[in-house]
Protein backbone atom coordinates (compact mmCIF):
# COMPACT_ATOMS: atom_id res chain seq x y z
CA UNK A 1 -1.63 -22.46 -31.12
CA UNK A 2 -1.79 -19.09 -29.43
CA UNK A 3 1.56 -17.38 -29.41
CA UNK A 4 2.60 -15.34 -26.45
CA UNK A 5 5.77 -13.24 -25.74
CA UNK A 6 6.76 -12.24 -22.25
CA UNK A 7 9.25 -9.60 -21.24
CA UNK A 8 10.45 -9.13 -17.80
CA UNK A 9 13.27 -9.97 -15.21
CA UNK A 10 15.24 -12.97 -14.71
CA UNK A 11 17.00 -13.78 -11.42
CA UNK A 12 18.57 -16.43 -9.24
CA UNK A 13 16.61 -16.42 -6.04
CA UNK A 14 18.13 -17.45 -2.75
CA UNK A 15 15.67 -18.30 0.00
CA UNK A 16 16.43 -17.74 3.58
CA UNK A 17 14.09 -18.46 6.50
CA UNK A 18 14.99 -18.27 10.17
CA UNK A 19 12.96 -18.90 13.30
CA UNK A 20 14.09 -15.51 14.94
CA UNK A 21 12.17 -13.39 12.46
CA UNK A 22 9.46 -11.05 13.85
CA UNK A 23 6.32 -9.67 12.20
CA UNK A 24 5.71 -6.23 13.51
CA UNK A 25 2.30 -4.51 12.55
CA UNK A 26 1.96 -0.66 12.62
CA UNK A 27 -1.41 0.84 12.36
CA UNK A 28 -2.77 4.34 12.18
CA UNK A 29 -6.25 5.87 11.58
CA UNK A 30 -5.71 5.83 7.70
CA UNK A 31 -3.79 2.63 7.10
CA UNK A 32 -1.76 -0.24 8.54
CA UNK A 33 1.63 -1.82 7.46
CA UNK A 34 3.55 -4.93 8.50
CA UNK A 35 7.38 -5.23 8.82
CA UNK A 36 9.83 -8.10 9.17
CA UNK A 37 12.32 -7.50 11.83
CA UNK A 38 15.40 -9.19 13.22
CA UNK A 39 17.25 -8.51 16.62
CA UNK A 40 19.62 -5.46 15.82
CA UNK A 41 23.22 -6.41 15.81
CA UNK A 42 22.76 -10.09 16.36
CA UNK A 43 24.06 -13.18 14.44
CA UNK A 44 21.01 -15.18 13.56
CA UNK A 45 21.00 -18.87 12.56
CA UNK A 46 19.34 -19.93 9.34
CA UNK A 47 16.55 -22.43 9.52
CA UNK A 48 16.08 -22.98 5.82
CA UNK A 49 18.30 -22.13 2.74
CA UNK A 50 17.75 -22.99 -0.94
CA UNK A 51 18.27 -21.37 -4.44
CA UNK A 52 15.72 -21.17 -7.18
CA UNK A 53 15.40 -19.40 -10.65
CA UNK A 54 12.82 -16.60 -10.68
CA UNK A 55 11.97 -13.31 -11.79
CA UNK A 56 8.65 -12.00 -13.44
CA UNK A 57 9.91 -12.65 -16.92
CA UNK A 58 10.76 -16.29 -16.15
CA UNK A 59 7.83 -17.10 -13.96
CA UNK A 60 5.35 -15.87 -16.40
CA UNK A 61 7.06 -17.50 -19.43
CA UNK A 62 7.14 -20.85 -17.55
CA UNK A 63 3.42 -20.52 -16.60
CA UNK A 64 2.25 -19.69 -20.12
CA UNK A 65 4.27 -22.57 -21.56
CA UNK A 66 2.80 -24.91 -18.82
CA UNK A 67 -0.69 -23.64 -19.78
CA UNK A 68 0.00 -24.84 -23.31
CA UNK A 69 0.79 -21.49 -25.16
CA UNK A 70 3.53 -21.16 -27.72
CA UNK A 71 5.64 -19.08 -25.55
CA UNK A 72 8.94 -17.05 -26.16
CA UNK A 73 10.76 -14.93 -23.47
CA UNK A 74 12.59 -11.66 -23.67
CA UNK A 75 15.06 -10.96 -20.66
CA UNK A 76 18.37 -9.95 -20.11
CA UNK A 77 21.18 -11.86 -18.13
CA UNK A 78 25.04 -11.77 -17.95
CA UNK A 79 27.56 -14.48 -18.46
CA UNK A 80 28.24 -15.62 -15.11
CA UNK A 81 27.56 -18.69 -12.70
CA UNK A 82 23.88 -17.41 -12.21
CA UNK A 83 23.16 -17.10 -15.85
CA UNK A 84 24.37 -20.80 -16.31
CA UNK A 85 21.84 -21.81 -13.76
CA UNK A 86 19.07 -19.83 -15.46
CA UNK A 87 19.66 -21.44 -18.83
CA UNK A 88 20.15 -24.76 -17.47
CA UNK A 89 16.57 -24.33 -15.79
CA UNK A 90 14.98 -23.78 -19.07
CA UNK A 91 16.06 -27.20 -20.56
CA UNK A 92 13.18 -28.61 -18.66
CA UNK A 93 10.60 -25.98 -19.95
CA UNK A 94 9.32 -25.50 -23.40
CA UNK A 95 10.13 -21.84 -23.91
CA UNK A 96 11.65 -20.23 -26.83
CA UNK A 97 14.91 -18.51 -25.68
CA UNK A 98 15.99 -17.40 -29.11
CA UNK A 99 15.39 -13.74 -28.21
CA UNK A 100 16.89 -13.46 -24.84
CA UNK A 101 19.69 -10.83 -24.26
CA UNK A 102 23.15 -11.99 -22.87
CA UNK A 103 25.97 -9.60 -22.36
CA UNK A 104 29.36 -10.12 -20.81
CA UNK A 105 29.70 -6.81 -19.30
CA UNK A 106 26.71 -6.98 -16.95
CA UNK A 107 25.68 -9.25 -13.98
CA UNK A 108 22.73 -11.52 -13.90
CA UNK A 109 19.94 -10.53 -11.54
CA UNK A 110 20.25 -11.81 -8.07
CA UNK A 111 17.68 -11.76 -5.01
CA UNK A 112 17.73 -12.76 -1.43
CA UNK A 113 14.27 -13.83 -0.15
CA UNK A 114 13.60 -13.68 3.46
CA UNK A 115 10.72 -15.95 4.23
CA UNK A 116 8.52 -15.38 7.27
CA UNK A 117 6.97 -18.15 9.46
CA UNK A 118 3.65 -17.11 7.95
CA UNK A 119 4.86 -17.80 4.52
CA UNK A 120 5.13 -14.21 3.28
CA UNK A 121 8.39 -12.85 2.04
CA UNK A 122 10.65 -9.68 1.84
CA UNK A 123 12.90 -9.54 -1.24
CA UNK A 124 16.37 -7.94 -1.19
CA UNK A 125 17.06 -7.55 -5.09
CA UNK A 126 20.20 -6.92 -7.05
CA UNK A 127 18.61 -5.98 -10.48
CA UNK A 128 21.74 -6.36 -12.53
CA UNK A 129 21.09 -6.90 -16.10
CA UNK A 130 17.29 -6.70 -15.48
CA UNK A 131 17.64 -2.94 -15.06
CA UNK A 132 19.73 -2.58 -18.24
CA UNK A 133 17.62 -3.70 -21.19
CA UNK A 134 17.73 -1.26 -24.16
CA UNK A 135 15.29 -0.72 -27.02
CA UNK A 136 17.91 -1.59 -29.73
CA UNK A 137 18.65 -4.97 -28.18
CA UNK A 138 14.84 -6.20 -28.58
CA UNK A 139 13.93 -7.99 -31.78
CA UNK A 140 10.80 -6.12 -32.61
CA UNK A 141 10.05 -8.29 -35.70
CA UNK A 142 9.49 -11.31 -33.43
CA UNK A 143 6.93 -9.27 -31.40
CA UNK A 144 4.61 -8.64 -34.31
CA UNK A 145 4.31 -12.39 -34.97
CA UNK A 146 2.87 -13.10 -31.66
CA UNK A 147 -0.96 -13.01 -30.65
CA UNK A 148 -0.34 -11.10 -27.32
CA UNK A 149 2.50 -9.75 -25.29
CA UNK A 150 2.67 -9.94 -21.52
CA UNK A 151 4.79 -7.08 -19.90
CA UNK A 152 6.09 -7.87 -16.49
CA UNK A 153 7.56 -5.32 -14.34
CA UNK A 154 10.80 -3.80 -15.59
CA UNK A 155 12.84 -1.67 -13.33
CA UNK A 156 15.70 0.90 -13.76
CA UNK A 157 16.71 1.83 -17.33
CA UNK A 158 14.77 -1.03 -18.67
CA UNK A 159 11.54 0.72 -17.84
CA UNK A 160 12.17 2.99 -20.78
CA UNK A 161 11.47 0.12 -23.28
CA UNK A 162 7.91 -0.36 -22.20
CA UNK A 163 6.39 2.46 -23.85
CA UNK A 164 7.84 1.76 -27.42
CA UNK A 165 7.18 -1.87 -26.86
CA UNK A 166 3.50 -1.25 -26.19
CA UNK A 167 3.20 1.18 -28.95
CA UNK A 168 4.77 -1.38 -31.50
CA UNK A 169 2.46 -4.17 -30.09
CA UNK A 170 -0.62 -1.79 -30.48
CA UNK A 171 0.28 -0.79 -34.06
CA UNK A 172 0.46 -4.57 -34.94
CA UNK A 173 -2.82 -5.40 -33.21
CA UNK A 174 -1.32 -7.59 -30.34
CA UNK A 175 -3.37 -7.92 -27.21
CA UNK A 176 -1.43 -6.54 -24.27
CA UNK A 177 -1.37 -7.53 -20.75
CA UNK A 178 0.53 -5.08 -18.43
CA UNK A 179 1.65 -5.84 -14.91
CA UNK A 180 2.96 -2.50 -13.65
CA UNK A 181 6.06 -2.34 -11.44
CA UNK A 182 7.18 0.26 -8.97
CA UNK A 183 9.52 2.14 -11.48
CA UNK A 184 6.54 2.68 -13.86
CA UNK A 185 4.45 3.79 -11.02
CA UNK A 186 6.95 6.25 -9.38
CA UNK A 187 7.24 8.00 -12.84
CA UNK A 188 3.59 9.27 -12.31
CA UNK A 189 0.43 9.14 -13.75
CA UNK A 190 1.20 10.93 -16.97
CA UNK A 191 3.84 8.39 -17.90
CA UNK A 192 1.49 5.44 -16.87
CA UNK A 193 -1.27 6.61 -18.99
CA UNK A 194 0.82 6.30 -22.15
CA UNK A 195 1.06 2.56 -21.37
CA UNK A 196 -2.55 2.22 -19.93
CA UNK A 197 -4.10 3.53 -23.07
CA UNK A 198 -3.17 0.60 -25.18
CA UNK A 199 -3.29 -2.37 -22.57
CA UNK A 200 -6.06 -4.74 -22.76
CA UNK A 201 -5.59 -6.16 -19.34
CA UNK A 202 -3.90 -4.29 -16.34
CA UNK A 203 -2.98 -6.02 -13.21
CA UNK A 204 -1.67 -4.56 -9.96
CA UNK A 205 -1.69 -5.47 -6.40
CA UNK A 206 -3.29 -3.15 -3.99
CA UNK A 207 -0.08 -1.29 -2.88
CA UNK A 208 0.68 -0.71 -6.54
CA UNK A 209 -2.86 0.50 -7.10
CA UNK A 210 -2.59 2.98 -4.26
CA UNK A 211 0.70 4.31 -5.89
CA UNK A 212 -1.03 4.67 -9.35
CA UNK A 213 -4.21 6.42 -8.12
CA UNK A 214 -3.20 8.09 -4.80
CA UNK A 215 -6.27 6.57 -3.36
CA UNK A 216 -6.00 5.08 0.19
CA UNK A 217 -8.18 2.32 1.31
CA UNK A 218 -9.79 3.43 4.41
CA UNK A 219 -10.23 1.01 7.37
CA UNK A 220 -13.44 0.39 9.11
CA UNK A 221 -14.56 2.96 11.86
CA UNK A 222 -17.19 2.98 14.48
CA UNK A 223 -19.68 4.63 11.96
CA UNK A 224 -18.49 3.08 8.65
CA UNK A 225 -18.13 -0.65 7.92
CA UNK A 226 -16.50 -0.63 4.44
CA UNK A 227 -15.44 -4.46 5.00
CA UNK A 228 -19.27 -5.51 4.81
CA UNK A 229 -19.42 -4.46 1.08
CA UNK A 230 -18.44 -7.00 -1.62
CA UNK A 231 -15.86 -4.51 -3.13
CA UNK A 232 -14.59 -1.70 -0.88
CA UNK A 233 -15.61 1.74 -2.38
CA UNK A 234 -12.07 2.84 -2.36
CA UNK A 235 -11.16 -0.37 -4.48
CA UNK A 236 -13.94 0.54 -6.78
CA UNK A 237 -12.62 4.10 -7.27
CA UNK A 238 -9.18 2.68 -7.88
CA UNK A 239 -10.43 0.29 -10.72
CA UNK A 240 -12.47 3.21 -12.27
CA UNK A 241 -9.47 5.54 -12.21
CA UNK A 242 -7.20 3.07 -13.88
CA UNK A 243 -9.57 2.08 -16.71
CA UNK A 244 -8.98 4.60 -19.49
CA UNK A 245 -10.29 2.41 -22.57
CA UNK A 246 -13.66 0.76 -22.91
CA UNK A 247 -12.17 -2.61 -23.88
CA UNK A 248 -9.95 -2.93 -20.85
CA UNK A 249 -10.11 -5.18 -17.79
CA UNK A 250 -8.50 -3.86 -14.66
CA UNK A 251 -7.65 -6.31 -11.72
CA UNK A 252 -6.33 -5.49 -8.34
CA UNK A 253 -5.00 -8.41 -6.12
CA UNK A 254 -5.14 -8.18 -2.35
CA UNK A 255 -3.14 -10.86 -1.08
CA UNK A 256 -4.91 -13.58 1.07
CA UNK A 257 -8.07 -11.33 0.82
CA UNK A 258 -8.55 -12.21 -3.04
CA UNK A 259 -8.79 -10.15 -6.21
CA UNK A 260 -11.04 -7.59 -7.64
CA UNK A 261 -11.68 -6.79 -11.38
CA UNK A 262 -13.86 -4.14 -13.34
CA UNK A 263 -14.70 -4.52 -17.00
CA UNK A 264 -16.82 -1.31 -17.18
CA UNK A 265 -19.98 -3.07 -16.61
CA UNK A 266 -19.49 -5.20 -13.43
CA UNK A 267 -17.29 -5.34 -10.46
CA UNK A 268 -15.94 -8.86 -9.50
CA UNK A 269 -14.67 -10.29 -6.46
CA UNK A 270 -12.80 -13.67 -6.21
CA UNK A 271 -11.56 -15.08 -2.88
CA UNK A 272 -8.33 -16.99 -2.63
CA UNK A 273 -8.48 -20.56 -3.48
CA UNK A 274 -7.68 -22.41 -0.13
CA UNK A 275 -4.09 -23.95 0.21
CA UNK A 276 -1.35 -24.29 2.69
CA UNK A 277 1.08 -21.36 2.22
CA UNK A 278 4.83 -22.30 2.18
CA UNK A 279 5.99 -19.09 0.19
CA UNK A 280 4.15 -16.33 -1.56
CA UNK A 281 7.02 -15.66 -4.00
CA UNK A 282 5.63 -15.91 -7.52
CA UNK A 283 2.08 -15.90 -6.40
CA UNK A 284 1.52 -12.54 -8.18
CA UNK A 285 3.04 -13.71 -11.45
CA UNK A 286 1.13 -16.97 -11.37
CA UNK A 287 -2.16 -15.07 -10.89
CA UNK A 288 -1.72 -12.21 -13.41
CA UNK A 289 -0.43 -14.57 -16.29
CA UNK A 290 -2.98 -17.32 -15.64
CA UNK A 291 -5.74 -14.53 -15.65
CA UNK A 292 -4.58 -13.27 -18.97
CA UNK A 293 -4.33 -16.77 -20.49
CA UNK A 294 -7.70 -17.93 -18.93
CA UNK A 295 -9.50 -15.06 -20.62
CA UNK A 296 -8.24 -16.57 -23.96
CA UNK A 297 -9.45 -19.95 -22.94
CA UNK A 298 -12.76 -18.91 -21.47
CA UNK A 299 -13.93 -16.52 -24.14
CA UNK A 300 -13.24 -13.37 -22.03
CA UNK A 301 -15.19 -14.66 -18.87
CA UNK A 302 -13.73 -12.21 -16.18
CA UNK A 303 -15.01 -13.84 -13.24
CA UNK A 304 -14.02 -17.45 -14.22
CA UNK A 305 -10.73 -16.25 -15.20
CA UNK A 306 -10.07 -14.88 -11.76
CA UNK A 307 -10.88 -18.20 -10.40
CA UNK A 308 -8.42 -19.80 -12.70
CA UNK A 309 -5.84 -17.44 -11.59
CA UNK A 310 -6.51 -17.98 -7.88
CA UNK A 311 -6.26 -21.68 -8.16
CA UNK A 312 -2.96 -21.52 -9.93
CA UNK A 313 -1.54 -18.94 -7.46
CA UNK A 314 -2.70 -21.13 -4.49
CA UNK A 315 -0.90 -24.03 -5.96
CA UNK A 316 2.43 -21.95 -6.34
CA UNK A 317 2.22 -20.65 -2.84
CA UNK A 318 1.98 -24.30 -1.52
CA UNK A 319 5.51 -24.95 -2.91
CA UNK A 320 8.76 -23.09 -2.10
CA UNK A 321 9.85 -21.99 -5.56
CA UNK A 322 8.06 -19.49 -7.76
CA UNK A 323 7.40 -21.96 -10.45
CA UNK A 324 7.34 -25.24 -8.72
CA UNK A 325 3.59 -25.56 -8.11
CA UNK A 326 2.30 -24.26 -11.62
CA UNK A 327 -0.71 -26.11 -12.99
CA UNK A 328 -1.92 -26.88 -16.38
CA UNK A 329 -5.47 -25.61 -17.49
CA UNK A 330 -6.76 -29.18 -17.17
CA UNK A 331 -5.44 -29.51 -13.53
CA UNK A 332 -6.88 -26.11 -12.69
CA UNK A 333 -10.34 -27.13 -14.12
CA UNK A 334 -10.26 -30.46 -12.14
CA UNK A 335 -9.59 -28.56 -8.88
CA UNK A 336 -12.60 -26.26 -9.68
CA UNK A 337 -14.65 -29.23 -10.55
CA UNK A 338 -13.66 -30.79 -7.20
CA UNK A 339 -14.52 -27.67 -5.30
CA UNK A 340 -18.09 -26.63 -6.61
CA UNK A 341 -18.69 -24.24 -3.71
CA UNK A 342 -15.77 -22.03 -4.78
CA UNK A 343 -16.92 -19.25 -6.93
CA UNK A 344 -16.50 -15.50 -7.72
CA UNK A 345 -19.13 -12.82 -6.76
CA UNK A 346 -20.21 -9.70 -8.94
CA UNK A 347 -22.05 -6.56 -8.40
């Protein structure tokens, strides 16, 4: 059985939804952006409230295990009521927690997720222990026994472990899947390239790709209709800019518009798989980790792996929690069989 190790964040997530939330769109000639807003200075009633376990390290570990991989997780938590909830959650999941890091002198990560009526979300995150992983706390001997390592976003001081982690994995011939976070991106391209040069798969959303490349995606104008092209020329330029090794596959996700990939030979576009959207939290983790796992299952078929990722991501957004809708490979393949018109495109 293929052995996977994930490293990333672990949080207790509190979901809050209220009917008074507004979505405000601001558009300029060069770009557009959406904001969630509430009446200033008001006391607002909550429509829906619940708590779930989440974080990139947890979400991806649960997904890999659910897909049938031999999965171990590395994340850091405190010794508090939230850590108890996280550890209790894993009793239902086949994930090896032998190498997690738990310390008394830190607090477990905690997030408040503001859910819009459209199903999208804004996250208020207290990083806690997630931002305090140190190199000496990681059992590197465990890593070399794996087949590949999935690096979820690590923020704060924890970001410093990514480079030695990737270097070690490369020296021991592990495949590396890298899902970049904002801390890595804010350090600049010189820092990012130290990680990119060894990563076999790199996944970012469009906003992260813009940060990584400083390339803006131009909107349609009176004279130029970029939206008619299968892959926007600026997306193509982003994909080419981030690919620094011949063997790499670069993926950019674009929310409900779909996902793009570049393997050095072809550009791929995969639309989102249809589903009812309840919450988008965990969709990116489900897509990226499923894509990486599907490359293993499909003998490196990039287009088909994008479809696997989209199907699993669509299932996750149809549920409220970040791991509640995760599918097995067999369930994904049944959905694809039941929807023969759903496919990817390439150019």
